[in-house]
C-alpha atoms as a PDB file:
ATOM      1  CA  MET A   1      -0.128  -0.021  -0.254  1.00  0.00           C
ATOM      2  CA  THR A   2       2.880   2.101   0.689  1.00  0.00           C
ATOM      3  CA  ALA A   3       3.922   1.719  -3.558  1.00  0.00           C
ATOM      4  CA  ALA A   4       4.889   4.780  -5.262  1.00  0.00           C
ATOM      5  CA  LEU A   5       2.304   5.640  -7.936  1.00  0.00           C
ATOM      6  CA  ILE A   6       3.774   6.458 -11.356  1.00  0.00           C
ATOM      7  CA  PRO A   7       2.426   8.716 -13.642  1.00  0.00           C
ATOM      8  CA  VAL A   8       2.567   7.180 -17.356  1.00  0.00           C
ATOM      9  CA  SER A   9       1.619   8.653 -20.473  1.00  0.00           C
ATOM     10  CA  TYR A  10       3.077   8.940 -23.607  1.00  0.00           C
ATOM     11  CA  ASP A  11       2.352   8.779 -27.505  1.00  0.00           C
ATOM     12  CA  THR A  12       3.989   5.618 -29.671  1.00  0.00           C
ATOM     13  CA  THR A  13       2.638   5.017 -33.373  1.00  0.00           C
ATOM     14  CA  ILE A  14       1.571   1.421 -34.284  1.00  0.00           C
ATOM     15  CA  TRP A  15       1.582   0.751 -37.895  1.00  0.00           C
ATOM     16  CA  GLY A  16       1.224   3.769 -38.976  1.00  0.00           C
ATOM     17  CA  THR A  17      -1.261   4.884 -36.257  1.00  0.00           C
ATOM     18  CA  LEU A  18      -0.898   7.111 -33.210  1.00  0.00           C
ATOM     19  CA  TYR A  19      -1.690   5.476 -29.841  1.00  0.00           C
ATOM     20  CA  ASN A  20      -1.424   6.829 -26.407  1.00  0.00           C
ATOM     21  CA  TYR A  21      -0.256   4.550 -23.588  1.00  0.00           C
ATOM     22  CA  SER A  22      -1.258   5.613 -20.057  1.00  0.00           C
ATOM     23  CA  HIS A  23      -2.320   4.618 -16.794  1.00  0.00           C
ATOM     24  CA  ALA A  24      -4.507   6.810 -14.792  1.00  0.00           C
ATOM     25  CA  MET A  25      -3.745   8.030 -11.293  1.00  0.00           C
ATOM     26  CA  ILE A  26      -7.103   7.214 -10.074  1.00  0.00           C
ATOM     27  CA  HIS A  27      -6.682   3.703 -11.809  1.00  0.00           C
ATOM     28  CA  GLN A  28      -3.168   3.408 -10.001  1.00  0.00           C
ATOM     29  CA  LEU A  29      -5.173   4.590  -6.508  1.00  0.00           C
ATOM     30  CA  TYR A  30      -7.734   1.764  -6.996  1.00  0.00           C
ATOM     31  CA  GLU A  31      -5.103  -0.847  -7.374  1.00  0.00           C
ATOM     32  CA  ILE A  32      -2.589  -0.250  -5.450  1.00  0.00           C
ATOM     33  CA  ARG A  33      -4.432   1.493  -2.100  1.00  0.00           C
ATOM     34  CA  PHE A  34      -8.091   0.533  -2.784  1.00  0.00           C
ATOM     35  CA  CYS A  35      -8.248  -3.181  -3.208  1.00  0.00           C
ATOM     36  CA  PRO A  36      -5.023  -4.210  -0.330  1.00  0.00           C
ATOM     37  CA  TRP A  37      -7.552  -2.363   1.966  1.00  0.00           C
ATOM     38  CA  VAL A  38     -10.789  -4.542   0.676  1.00  0.00           C
ATOM     39  CA  ALA A  39      -8.337  -7.601   1.177  1.00  0.00           C
ATOM     40  CA  ILE A  40      -7.715  -7.025   4.725  1.00  0.00           C
ATOM     41  CA  LEU A  41     -11.404  -6.214   5.548  1.00  0.00           C
ATOM     42  CA  LEU A  42     -12.301  -9.486   3.930  1.00  0.00           C
ATOM     43  CA  PHE A  43      -9.497 -11.489   5.547  1.00  0.00           C
ATOM     44  CA  THR A  44     -10.918  -9.934   8.745  1.00  0.00           C
ATOM     45  CA  SER A  45     -14.683 -10.506   8.183  1.00  0.00           C
ATOM     46  CA  SER A  46     -13.380 -14.149   7.358  1.00  0.00           C
ATOM     47  CA  LEU A  47     -11.338 -15.118  10.317  1.00  0.00           C
ATOM     48  CA  GLY A  48     -14.139 -13.255  12.865  1.00  0.00           C
ATOM     49  CA  PHE A  49     -16.536 -15.758  10.810  1.00  0.00           C
ATOM     50  CA  LEU A  50     -14.361 -18.340  11.512  1.00  0.00           C
ATOM     51  CA  VAL A  51     -13.815 -17.327  15.362  1.00  0.00           C
ATOM     52  CA  ILE A  52     -17.477 -16.770  16.158  1.00  0.00           C
ATOM     53  CA  GLY A  53     -19.395 -19.051  13.979  1.00  0.00           C
ATOM     54  CA  LYS A  54     -16.807 -22.482  13.564  1.00  0.00           C
ATOM     55  CA  GLU A  55     -18.234 -24.745  10.946  1.00  0.00           C
ATOM     56  CA  LYS A  56     -21.828 -22.943  10.772  1.00  0.00           C
ATOM     57  CA  TRP A  57     -20.405 -20.050   8.592  1.00  0.00           C
ATOM     58  CA  MET A  58     -17.394 -21.983   7.092  1.00  0.00           C
ATOM     59  CA  VAL A  59     -18.813 -21.824   3.667  1.00  0.00           C
ATOM     60  CA  VAL A  60     -18.863 -17.477   4.555  1.00  0.00           C
ATOM     61  CA  ALA A  61     -15.275 -17.818   5.714  1.00  0.00           C
ATOM     62  CA  LYS A  62     -14.145 -19.300   2.538  1.00  0.00           C
ATOM     63  CA  LEU A  63     -16.203 -17.103   0.290  1.00  0.00           C
ATOM     64  CA  LEU A  64     -14.867 -14.053   2.401  1.00  0.00           C
ATOM     65  CA  PHE A  65     -11.154 -15.379   1.783  1.00  0.00           C
ATOM     66  CA  ALA A  66     -11.228 -15.962  -1.649  1.00  0.00           C
ATOM     67  CA  LEU A  67     -12.896 -12.912  -2.133  1.00  0.00           C
ATOM     68  CA  GLY A  68      -9.812 -11.341  -0.316  1.00  0.00           C
ATOM     69  CA  ILE A  69      -7.157 -13.437  -2.212  1.00  0.00           C
ATOM     70  CA  GLY A  70      -8.580 -12.214  -5.261  1.00  0.00           C
ATOM     71  CA  HIS A  71      -8.465  -8.560  -4.333  1.00  0.00           C
ATOM     72  CA  LEU A  72      -4.684  -9.085  -3.501  1.00  0.00           C
ATOM     73  CA  SER A  73      -3.523 -10.658  -5.786  1.00  0.00           C
ATOM     74  CA  PHE A  74      -5.133  -8.755  -8.687  1.00  0.00           C
ATOM     75  CA  SER A  75      -3.417  -5.549  -6.604  1.00  0.00           C
ATOM     76  CA  PHE A  76      -0.184  -6.719  -6.290  1.00  0.00           C
ATOM     77  CA  PHE A  77      -0.182  -8.288 -10.273  1.00  0.00           C
ATOM     78  CA  ARG A  78      -1.206  -4.864 -11.615  1.00  0.00           C
ATOM     79  CA  MET A  79       1.428  -3.270  -9.487  1.00  0.00           C
ATOM     80  CA  VAL A  80       4.625  -5.567 -10.729  1.00  0.00           C
ATOM     81  CA  LEU A  81       3.438  -4.879 -13.860  1.00  0.00           C
ATOM     82  CA  LEU A  82       3.186  -1.571 -13.997  1.00  0.00           C
ATOM     83  CA  ASP A  83       6.332  -1.090 -11.897  1.00  0.00           C
ATOM     84  CA  SER A  84       8.133  -3.630 -14.345  1.00  0.00           C
ATOM     85  CA  PHE A  85       7.215  -2.346 -17.441  1.00  0.00           C
ATOM     86  CA  HIS A  86       6.021   1.722 -17.082  1.00  0.00           C
ATOM     87  CA  ALA A  87       8.272   2.585 -19.628  1.00  0.00           C
ATOM     88  CA  ASN A  88       6.843   0.504 -22.537  1.00  0.00           C
ATOM     89  CA  MET A  89       3.450  -0.416 -21.215  1.00  0.00           C
ATOM     90  CA  VAL A  90       3.214  -3.003 -24.396  1.00  0.00           C
ATOM     91  CA  TRP A  91       4.216  -5.244 -22.352  1.00  0.00           C
ATOM     92  CA  VAL A  92       1.905  -4.173 -19.531  1.00  0.00           C
ATOM     93  CA  VAL A  93      -1.104  -4.790 -21.841  1.00  0.00           C
ATOM     94  CA  PHE A  94       0.641  -8.041 -23.252  1.00  0.00           C
ATOM     95  CA  TRP A  95       0.877 -10.295 -20.060  1.00  0.00           C
ATOM     96  CA  GLU A  96      -2.250  -8.464 -18.840  1.00  0.00           C
ATOM     97  CA  GLU A  97      -4.141  -9.992 -21.644  1.00  0.00           C
ATOM     98  CA  VAL A  98      -1.780 -13.788 -21.799  1.00  0.00           C
ATOM     99  CA  THR A  99      -2.568 -14.163 -18.408  1.00  0.00           C
ATOM    100  CA  GLU A 100      -6.399 -13.485 -19.102  1.00  0.00           C
ATOM    101  CA  LEU A 101      -5.943 -15.858 -21.425  1.00  0.00           C
ATOM    102  CA  ILE A 102      -4.610 -18.856 -19.185  1.00  0.00           C
ATOM    103  CA  LEU A 103      -7.026 -18.298 -16.615  1.00  0.00           C
ATOM    104  CA  ILE A 104      -9.408 -19.024 -19.483  1.00  0.00           C
ATOM    105  CA  LEU A 105      -8.212 -21.944 -21.040  1.00  0.00           C
ATOM    106  CA  GLY A 106      -7.439 -23.009 -17.601  1.00  0.00           C
ATOM    107  CA  ILE A 107     -11.101 -22.969 -16.369  1.00  0.00           C
ATOM    108  CA  GLY A 108     -12.250 -24.405 -19.383  1.00  0.00           C
ATOM    109  CA  TYR A 109     -10.200 -27.282 -19.042  1.00  0.00           C
ATOM    110  CA  ILE A 110     -11.442 -27.503 -15.608  1.00  0.00           C
ATOM    111  CA  LEU A 111     -15.118 -27.335 -16.944  1.00  0.00           C
ATOM    112  CA  TRP A 112     -14.151 -30.141 -19.948  1.00  0.00           C
ATOM    113  CA  LYS A 113     -12.358 -32.570 -17.304  1.00  0.00           C
ATOM    114  CA  PHE A 114     -15.750 -32.193 -15.012  1.00  0.00           C
ATOM    115  CA  ARG A 115     -18.015 -32.463 -17.307  1.00  0.00           C
ATOM    116  CA  ASN A 116     -19.461 -35.927 -16.735  1.00  0.00           C
ATOM    117  CA  ARG A 117     -20.376 -34.385 -13.090  1.00  0.00           C
ATOM    118  CA  LEU A 118     -21.692 -30.951 -13.666  1.00  0.00           C
ATOM    119  CA  PHE A 119     -25.214 -31.640 -14.645  1.00  0.00           C
ATOM    120  CA  GLN A 120     -25.617 -34.868 -12.359  1.00  0.00           C
ATOM    121  CA  GLU A 121     -28.982 -34.684 -10.479  1.00  0.00           C
ATOM    122  CA  VAL A 122     -28.439 -35.102  -6.981  1.00  0.00           C
ATOM    123  CA  SER A 123     -30.252 -37.316  -5.031  1.00  0.00           C
ATOM    124  CA  PRO A 124     -31.664 -35.980  -1.820  1.00  0.00           C
ATOM    125  CA  VAL A 125     -30.354 -38.239   1.202  1.00  0.00           C
END
């Protein structure tokens, strides 16, 4: 949360077309400042549900923990990308899109792997 904000904006030409690469400060504030605080709030809430509710609130605690991990990993990933490639934003865009593709392929693989069990009817106990 104490990482420096990096003002980035420059023009470049891609195949004869002028293009502006920038990463607005408001986006950086969201990614580097707001998301970690949300993650802390979600982790604390998850711990509270575990301490107070034990087994009764386990599903809620897991959900809050997963949301916290999502916010924290998003924040960390964006911060590392911007810090590493702020002088060449093409690589920021490239790595962001490649990791999204890997995530989509991974989700598709999991769905394909368990396709036989996805639509089975659950018998009442």
